[in-house]
Amino acid sequence: MISNIGITKRAHISRRKYDTIYKCFVEDIPASKASKIVNVNRNTTNRYYKIFRTVMLNSAIQERIEVNLHNGIEIDESYF
């Protein structure tokens, strides 16, 4: 889970709201709709969505480094 990585600091929302925002992100619910579901400001949801995307990008980059793939293209989970 993203919160275990230590990147997010839930300064002003409860753990329950944070978890609900995360679930909305995973289920591909737009940030504006997620903010209504969680009952938080849209900017708060946008901020957390951006954090989640950043973590995903960093993870993908790390994975490419670990498999020593620098200029490959991924097609159907195969590297060329």
PDB file of N, CA and C in Angstrom:
ATOM      1  N   MET A   1       0.833  -1.175   0.000  1.00  0.00           N
ATOM      2  CA  MET A   1       0.000   0.000   0.000  1.00  0.00           C
ATOM      3  C   MET A   1       0.879   1.240   0.000  1.00  0.00           C
ATOM      4  N   ILE A   2       0.390   2.288  -0.595  1.00  0.00           N
ATOM      5  CA  ILE A   2       1.161   3.513  -0.778  1.00  0.00           C
ATOM      6  C   ILE A   2       1.598   4.106   0.558  1.00  0.00           C
ATOM      7  N   SER A   3       0.739   4.108   1.555  1.00  0.00           N
ATOM      8  CA  SER A   3       1.082   4.750   2.821  1.00  0.00           C
ATOM      9  C   SER A   3       2.255   4.070   3.514  1.00  0.00           C
ATOM     10  N   ASN A   4       2.490   2.809   3.212  1.00  0.00           N
ATOM     11  CA  ASN A   4       3.612   2.101   3.821  1.00  0.00           C
ATOM     12  C   ASN A   4       4.949   2.572   3.274  1.00  0.00           C
ATOM     13  N   ILE A   5       4.936   3.230   2.144  1.00  0.00           N
ATOM     14  CA  ILE A   5       6.173   3.701   1.533  1.00  0.00           C
ATOM     15  C   ILE A   5       6.698   4.927   2.271  1.00  0.00           C
ATOM     16  N   GLY A   6       5.829   5.642   2.938  1.00  0.00           N
ATOM     17  CA  GLY A   6       6.262   6.798   3.710  1.00  0.00           C
ATOM     18  C   GLY A   6       6.259   8.080   2.919  1.00  0.00           C
ATOM     19  N   ILE A   7       5.650   8.084   1.751  1.00  0.00           N
ATOM     20  CA  ILE A   7       5.645   9.281   0.926  1.00  0.00           C
ATOM     21  C   ILE A   7       4.536  10.225   1.350  1.00  0.00           C
ATOM     22  N   THR A   8       3.409   9.678   1.726  1.00  0.00           N
ATOM     23  CA  THR A   8       2.272  10.528   2.055  1.00  0.00           C
ATOM     24  C   THR A   8       2.270  10.896   3.525  1.00  0.00           C
ATOM     25  N   LYS A   9       1.839  12.088   3.773  1.00  0.00           N
ATOM     26  CA  LYS A   9       1.650  12.542   5.147  1.00  0.00           C
ATOM     27  C   LYS A   9       0.193  12.988   5.235  1.00  0.00           C
ATOM     28  N   ARG A  10      -0.599  12.233   5.947  1.00  0.00           N
ATOM     29  CA  ARG A  10      -2.025  12.509   6.043  1.00  0.00           C
ATOM     30  C   ARG A  10      -2.255  13.567   7.114  1.00  0.00           C
ATOM     31  N   ALA A  11      -1.961  14.795   6.821  1.00  0.00           N
ATOM     32  CA  ALA A  11      -1.989  15.837   7.826  1.00  0.00           C
ATOM     33  C   ALA A  11      -3.397  16.198   8.286  1.00  0.00           C
ATOM     34  N   HIS A  12      -4.349  16.238   7.378  1.00  0.00           N
ATOM     35  CA  HIS A  12      -5.647  16.790   7.736  1.00  0.00           C
ATOM     36  C   HIS A  12      -6.829  15.886   7.416  1.00  0.00           C
ATOM     37  N   ILE A  13      -6.592  14.663   7.018  1.00  0.00           N
ATOM     38  CA  ILE A  13      -7.709  13.769   6.761  1.00  0.00           C
ATOM     39  C   ILE A  13      -7.514  12.483   7.569  1.00  0.00           C
ATOM     40  N   SER A  14      -8.609  11.831   7.840  1.00  0.00           N
ATOM     41  CA  SER A  14      -8.547  10.601   8.628  1.00  0.00           C
ATOM     42  C   SER A  14      -8.023   9.450   7.777  1.00  0.00           C
ATOM     43  N   ARG A  15      -7.633   8.402   8.457  1.00  0.00           N
ATOM     44  CA  ARG A  15      -7.148   7.202   7.772  1.00  0.00           C
ATOM     45  C   ARG A  15      -8.248   6.615   6.887  1.00  0.00           C
ATOM     46  N   ARG A  16      -9.465   6.658   7.373  1.00  0.00           N
ATOM     47  CA  ARG A  16     -10.598   6.127   6.614  1.00  0.00           C
ATOM     48  C   ARG A  16     -10.787   6.887   5.299  1.00  0.00           C
ATOM     49  N   LYS A  17     -10.700   8.223   5.353  1.00  0.00           N
ATOM     50  CA  LYS A  17     -10.836   9.029   4.136  1.00  0.00           C
ATOM     51  C   LYS A  17      -9.677   8.756   3.179  1.00  0.00           C
ATOM     52  N   TYR A  18      -8.477   8.648   3.740  1.00  0.00           N
ATOM     53  CA  TYR A  18      -7.309   8.346   2.914  1.00  0.00           C
ATOM     54  C   TYR A  18      -7.490   7.010   2.201  1.00  0.00           C
ATOM     55  N   ASP A  19      -7.921   5.999   2.933  1.00  0.00           N
ATOM     56  CA  ASP A  19      -8.128   4.679   2.342  1.00  0.00           C
ATOM     57  C   ASP A  19      -9.213   4.714   1.262  1.00  0.00           C
ATOM     58  N   THR A  20     -10.250   5.501   1.484  1.00  0.00           N
ATOM     59  CA  THR A  20     -11.320   5.607   0.492  1.00  0.00           C
ATOM     60  C   THR A  20     -10.818   6.311  -0.764  1.00  0.00           C
ATOM     61  N   ILE A  21     -10.006   7.348  -0.609  1.00  0.00           N
ATOM     62  CA  ILE A  21      -9.417   8.018  -1.769  1.00  0.00           C
ATOM     63  C   ILE A  21      -8.553   7.034  -2.546  1.00  0.00           C
ATOM     64  N   TYR A  22      -7.775   6.238  -1.819  1.00  0.00           N
ATOM     65  CA  TYR A  22      -6.915   5.244  -2.463  1.00  0.00           C
ATOM     66  C   TYR A  22      -7.745   4.219  -3.238  1.00  0.00           C
ATOM     67  N   LYS A  23      -8.820   3.746  -2.644  1.00  0.00           N
ATOM     68  CA  LYS A  23      -9.688   2.776  -3.322  1.00  0.00           C
ATOM     69  C   LYS A  23     -10.332   3.381  -4.560  1.00  0.00           C
ATOM     70  N   CYS A  24     -10.732   4.637  -4.483  1.00  0.00           N
ATOM     71  CA  CYS A  24     -11.298   5.327  -5.646  1.00  0.00           C
ATOM     72  C   CYS A  24     -10.262   5.427  -6.760  1.00  0.00           C
ATOM     73  N   PHE A  25      -9.025   5.719  -6.386  1.00  0.00           N
ATOM     74  CA  PHE A  25      -7.949   5.796  -7.375  1.00  0.00           C
ATOM     75  C   PHE A  25      -7.751   4.456  -8.066  1.00  0.00           C
ATOM     76  N   VAL A  26      -7.722   3.395  -7.282  1.00  0.00           N
ATOM     77  CA  VAL A  26      -7.519   2.052  -7.821  1.00  0.00           C
ATOM     78  C   VAL A  26      -8.668   1.652  -8.739  1.00  0.00           C
ATOM     79  N   GLU A  27      -9.875   2.068  -8.399  1.00  0.00           N
ATOM     80  CA  GLU A  27     -11.047   1.728  -9.200  1.00  0.00           C
ATOM     81  C   GLU A  27     -11.254   2.694 -10.362  1.00  0.00           C
ATOM     82  N   ASP A  28     -10.311   3.603 -10.576  1.00  0.00           N
ATOM     83  CA  ASP A  28     -10.319   4.549 -11.696  1.00  0.00           C
ATOM     84  C   ASP A  28     -11.507   5.506 -11.654  1.00  0.00           C
ATOM     85  N   ILE A  29     -11.877   5.931 -10.470  1.00  0.00           N
ATOM     86  CA  ILE A  29     -12.925   6.923 -10.296  1.00  0.00           C
ATOM     87  C   ILE A  29     -12.271   8.298 -10.401  1.00  0.00           C
ATOM     88  N   PRO A  30     -12.840   9.193 -11.197  1.00  0.00           N
ATOM     89  CA  PRO A  30     -12.244  10.534 -11.335  1.00  0.00           C
ATOM     90  C   PRO A  30     -12.134  11.248  -9.986  1.00  0.00           C
ATOM     91  N   ALA A  31     -11.132  12.106  -9.875  1.00  0.00           N
ATOM     92  CA  ALA A  31     -10.865  12.795  -8.617  1.00  0.00           C
ATOM     93  C   ALA A  31     -12.049  13.648  -8.175  1.00  0.00           C
ATOM     94  N   SER A  32     -12.738  14.274  -9.097  1.00  0.00           N
ATOM     95  CA  SER A  32     -13.876  15.119  -8.725  1.00  0.00           C
ATOM     96  C   SER A  32     -14.994  14.288  -8.092  1.00  0.00           C
ATOM     97  N   LYS A  33     -15.252  13.118  -8.658  1.00  0.00           N
ATOM     98  CA  LYS A  33     -16.286  12.248  -8.095  1.00  0.00           C
ATOM     99  C   LYS A  33     -15.820  11.652  -6.766  1.00  0.00           C
ATOM    100  N   ALA A  34     -14.539  11.293  -6.678  1.00  0.00           N
ATOM    101  CA  ALA A  34     -13.990  10.736  -5.438  1.00  0.00           C
ATOM    102  C   ALA A  34     -14.081  11.760  -4.306  1.00  0.00           C
ATOM    103  N   SER A  35     -13.858  13.027  -4.625  1.00  0.00           N
ATOM    104  CA  SER A  35     -13.935  14.057  -3.586  1.00  0.00           C
ATOM    105  C   SER A  35     -15.351  14.158  -3.017  1.00  0.00           C
ATOM    106  N   LYS A  36     -16.343  13.934  -3.864  1.00  0.00           N
ATOM    107  CA  LYS A  36     -17.730  13.949  -3.384  1.00  0.00           C
ATOM    108  C   LYS A  36     -18.029  12.710  -2.549  1.00  0.00           C
ATOM    109  N   ILE A  37     -17.490  11.563  -2.964  1.00  0.00           N
ATOM    110  CA  ILE A  37     -17.703  10.321  -2.215  1.00  0.00           C
ATOM    111  C   ILE A  37     -17.094  10.430  -0.817  1.00  0.00           C
ATOM    112  N   VAL A  38     -15.875  10.966  -0.752  1.00  0.00           N
ATOM    113  CA  VAL A  38     -15.132  11.035   0.506  1.00  0.00           C
ATOM    114  C   VAL A  38     -15.522  12.265   1.329  1.00  0.00           C
ATOM    115  N   ASN A  39     -16.139  13.232   0.667  1.00  0.00           N
ATOM    116  CA  ASN A  39     -16.531  14.483   1.301  1.00  0.00           C
ATOM    117  C   ASN A  39     -15.310  15.302   1.727  1.00  0.00           C
ATOM    118  N   VAL A  40     -14.382  15.461   0.771  1.00  0.00           N
ATOM    119  CA  VAL A  40     -13.222  16.333   0.959  1.00  0.00           C
ATOM    120  C   VAL A  40     -13.140  17.274  -0.230  1.00  0.00           C
ATOM    121  N   ASN A  41     -12.313  18.286  -0.110  1.00  0.00           N
ATOM    122  CA  ASN A  41     -12.117  19.237  -1.192  1.00  0.00           C
ATOM    123  C   ASN A  41     -11.502  18.531  -2.398  1.00  0.00           C
ATOM    124  N   ARG A  42     -11.890  18.961  -3.589  1.00  0.00           N
ATOM    125  CA  ARG A  42     -11.371  18.366  -4.820  1.00  0.00           C
ATOM    126  C   ARG A  42      -9.851  18.497  -4.911  1.00  0.00           C
ATOM    127  N   ASN A  43      -9.296  19.597  -4.421  1.00  0.00           N
ATOM    128  CA  ASN A  43      -7.848  19.781  -4.461  1.00  0.00           C
ATOM    129  C   ASN A  43      -7.121  18.754  -3.596  1.00  0.00           C
ATOM    130  N   THR A  44      -7.725  18.362  -2.501  1.00  0.00           N
ATOM    131  CA  THR A  44      -7.146  17.326  -1.642  1.00  0.00           C
ATOM    132  C   THR A  44      -7.065  16.011  -2.395  1.00  0.00           C
ATOM    133  N   THR A  45      -8.155  15.653  -3.051  1.00  0.00           N
ATOM    134  CA  THR A  45      -8.173  14.415  -3.835  1.00  0.00           C
ATOM    135  C   THR A  45      -7.165  14.490  -4.979  1.00  0.00           C
ATOM    136  N   ASN A  46      -7.090  15.617  -5.651  1.00  0.00           N
ATOM    137  CA  ASN A  46      -6.111  15.783  -6.734  1.00  0.00           C
ATOM    138  C   ASN A  46      -4.687  15.607  -6.213  1.00  0.00           C
ATOM    139  N   ARG A  47      -4.412  16.152  -5.030  1.00  0.00           N
ATOM    140  CA  ARG A  47      -3.063  16.042  -4.456  1.00  0.00           C
ATOM    141  C   ARG A  47      -2.703  14.584  -4.193  1.00  0.00           C
ATOM    142  N   TYR A  48      -3.627  13.830  -3.605  1.00  0.00           N
ATOM    143  CA  TYR A  48      -3.352  12.420  -3.329  1.00  0.00           C
ATOM    144  C   TYR A  48      -3.262  11.606  -4.607  1.00  0.00           C
ATOM    145  N   TYR A  49      -4.096  11.894  -5.601  1.00  0.00           N
ATOM    146  CA  TYR A  49      -4.008  11.195  -6.882  1.00  0.00           C
ATOM    147  C   TYR A  49      -2.634  11.427  -7.512  1.00  0.00           C
ATOM    148  N   LYS A  50      -2.142  12.665  -7.415  1.00  0.00           N
ATOM    149  CA  LYS A  50      -0.816  12.971  -7.965  1.00  0.00           C
ATOM    150  C   LYS A  50       0.272  12.189  -7.228  1.00  0.00           C
ATOM    151  N   ILE A  51       0.150  12.074  -5.916  1.00  0.00           N
ATOM    152  CA  ILE A  51       1.122  11.303  -5.130  1.00  0.00           C
ATOM    153  C   ILE A  51       1.094   9.840  -5.561  1.00  0.00           C
ATOM    154  N   PHE A  52      -0.103   9.279  -5.726  1.00  0.00           N
ATOM    155  CA  PHE A  52      -0.220   7.886  -6.145  1.00  0.00           C
ATOM    156  C   PHE A  52       0.418   7.668  -7.513  1.00  0.00           C
ATOM    157  N   ARG A  53       0.178   8.597  -8.446  1.00  0.00           N
ATOM    158  CA  ARG A  53       0.775   8.473  -9.790  1.00  0.00           C
ATOM    159  C   ARG A  53       2.301   8.561  -9.724  1.00  0.00           C
ATOM    160  N   THR A  54       2.818   9.444  -8.894  1.00  0.00           N
ATOM    161  CA  THR A  54       4.262   9.595  -8.743  1.00  0.00           C
ATOM    162  C   THR A  54       4.883   8.313  -8.196  1.00  0.00           C
ATOM    163  N   VAL A  55       4.238   7.715  -7.214  1.00  0.00           N
ATOM    164  CA  VAL A  55       4.739   6.464  -6.643  1.00  0.00           C
ATOM    165  C   VAL A  55       4.725   5.361  -7.708  1.00  0.00           C
ATOM    166  N   MET A  56       3.668   5.298  -8.509  1.00  0.00           N
ATOM    167  CA  MET A  56       3.590   4.293  -9.571  1.00  0.00           C
ATOM    168  C   MET A  56       4.712   4.495 -10.589  1.00  0.00           C
ATOM    169  N   LEU A  57       4.962   5.741 -10.973  1.00  0.00           N
ATOM    170  CA  LEU A  57       6.021   6.036 -11.935  1.00  0.00           C
ATOM    171  C   LEU A  57       7.379   5.645 -11.373  1.00  0.00           C
ATOM    172  N   ASN A  58       7.649   6.025 -10.133  1.00  0.00           N
ATOM    173  CA  ASN A  58       8.934   5.678  -9.516  1.00  0.00           C
ATOM    174  C   ASN A  58       9.119   4.170  -9.421  1.00  0.00           C
ATOM    175  N   SER A  59       8.047   3.469  -9.122  1.00  0.00           N
ATOM    176  CA  SER A  59       8.105   2.014  -9.049  1.00  0.00           C
ATOM    177  C   SER A  59       8.412   1.408 -10.417  1.00  0.00           C
ATOM    178  N   ALA A  60       7.782   1.932 -11.462  1.00  0.00           N
ATOM    179  CA  ALA A  60       8.027   1.426 -12.815  1.00  0.00           C
ATOM    180  C   ALA A  60       9.466   1.693 -13.246  1.00  0.00           C
ATOM    181  N   ILE A  61       9.972   2.865 -12.914  1.00  0.00           N
ATOM    182  CA  ILE A  61      11.362   3.189 -13.250  1.00  0.00           C
ATOM    183  C   ILE A  61      12.313   2.262 -12.504  1.00  0.00           C
ATOM    184  N   GLN A  62      12.049   2.029 -11.231  1.00  0.00           N
ATOM    185  CA  GLN A  62      12.884   1.134 -10.432  1.00  0.00           C
ATOM    186  C   GLN A  62      12.865  -0.274 -11.005  1.00  0.00           C
ATOM    187  N   GLU A  63      11.706  -0.730 -11.439  1.00  0.00           N
ATOM    188  CA  GLU A  63      11.592  -2.066 -12.030  1.00  0.00           C
ATOM    189  C   GLU A  63      12.423  -2.171 -13.307  1.00  0.00           C
ATOM    190  N   ARG A  64      12.385  -1.123 -14.138  1.00  0.00           N
ATOM    191  CA  ARG A  64      13.184  -1.121 -15.371  1.00  0.00           C
ATOM    192  C   ARG A  64      14.674  -1.177 -15.054  1.00  0.00           C
ATOM    193  N   ILE A  65      15.087  -0.490 -13.997  1.00  0.00           N
ATOM    194  CA  ILE A  65      16.494  -0.504 -13.603  1.00  0.00           C
ATOM    195  C   ILE A  65      16.894  -1.890 -13.115  1.00  0.00           C
ATOM    196  N   GLU A  66      16.006  -2.517 -12.323  1.00  0.00           N
ATOM    197  CA  GLU A  66      16.318  -3.841 -11.772  1.00  0.00           C
ATOM    198  C   GLU A  66      16.468  -4.909 -12.845  1.00  0.00           C
ATOM    199  N   VAL A  67      15.712  -4.824 -13.927  1.00  0.00           N
ATOM    200  CA  VAL A  67      15.825  -5.818 -14.999  1.00  0.00           C
ATOM    201  C   VAL A  67      16.822  -5.364 -16.068  1.00  0.00           C
ATOM    202  N   ASN A  68      17.505  -4.259 -15.787  1.00  0.00           N
ATOM    203  CA  ASN A  68      18.534  -3.727 -16.670  1.00  0.00           C
ATOM    204  C   ASN A  68      17.980  -3.423 -18.063  1.00  0.00           C
ATOM    205  N   LEU A  69      16.825  -2.802 -18.112  1.00  0.00           N
ATOM    206  CA  LEU A  69      16.188  -2.414 -19.363  1.00  0.00           C
ATOM    207  C   LEU A  69      16.266  -0.897 -19.474  1.00  0.00           C
ATOM    208  N   HIS A  70      17.032  -0.443 -20.457  1.00  0.00           N
ATOM    209  CA  HIS A  70      17.230   1.000 -20.587  1.00  0.00           C
ATOM    210  C   HIS A  70      16.469   1.592 -21.763  1.00  0.00           C
ATOM    211  N   ASN A  71      16.413   0.896 -22.879  1.00  0.00           N
ATOM    212  CA  ASN A  71      15.763   1.448 -24.062  1.00  0.00           C
ATOM    213  C   ASN A  71      14.779   0.467 -24.677  1.00  0.00           C
ATOM    214  N   GLY A  72      14.129  -0.330 -23.880  1.00  0.00           N
ATOM    215  CA  GLY A  72      13.206  -1.329 -24.395  1.00  0.00           C
ATOM    216  C   GLY A  72      11.794  -0.798 -24.510  1.00  0.00           C
ATOM    217  N   ILE A  73      10.995  -1.547 -25.208  1.00  0.00           N
ATOM    218  CA  ILE A  73       9.574  -1.254 -25.352  1.00  0.00           C
ATOM    219  C   ILE A  73       8.826  -2.450 -24.804  1.00  0.00           C
ATOM    220  N   GLU A  74       7.843  -2.198 -23.974  1.00  0.00           N
ATOM    221  CA  GLU A  74       7.074  -3.294 -23.392  1.00  0.00           C
ATOM    222  C   GLU A  74       5.820  -3.521 -24.228  1.00  0.00           C
ATOM    223  N   ILE A  75       5.681  -4.757 -24.707  1.00  0.00           N
ATOM    224  CA  ILE A  75       4.506  -5.151 -25.475  1.00  0.00           C
ATOM    225  C   ILE A  75       4.013  -6.460 -24.903  1.00  0.00           C
ATOM    226  N   ASP A  76       2.812  -6.469 -24.364  1.00  0.00           N
ATOM    227  CA  ASP A  76       2.240  -7.672 -23.768  1.00  0.00           C
ATOM    228  C   ASP A  76       3.196  -8.301 -22.747  1.00  0.00           C
ATOM    229  N   GLU A  77       3.752  -7.500 -21.922  1.00  0.00           N
ATOM    230  CA  GLU A  77       4.663  -7.939 -20.862  1.00  0.00           C
ATOM    231  C   GLU A  77       5.932  -8.610 -21.364  1.00  0.00           C
ATOM    232  N   SER A  78       6.320  -8.315 -22.591  1.00  0.00           N
ATOM    233  CA  SER A  78       7.575  -8.804 -23.152  1.00  0.00           C
ATOM    234  C   SER A  78       8.445  -7.604 -23.491  1.00  0.00           C
ATOM    235  N   TYR A  79       9.732  -7.749 -23.285  1.00  0.00           N
ATOM    236  CA  TYR A  79      10.649  -6.642 -23.558  1.00  0.00           C
ATOM    237  C   TYR A  79      11.407  -6.908 -24.848  1.00  0.00           C
ATOM    238  N   PHE A  80      11.443  -5.896 -25.725  1.00  0.00           N
ATOM    239  CA  PHE A  80      12.154  -6.019 -26.996  1.00  0.00           C
ATOM    240  C   PHE A  80      13.188  -4.924 -27.099  1.00  0.00           C
TER     241      PHE A  80
END
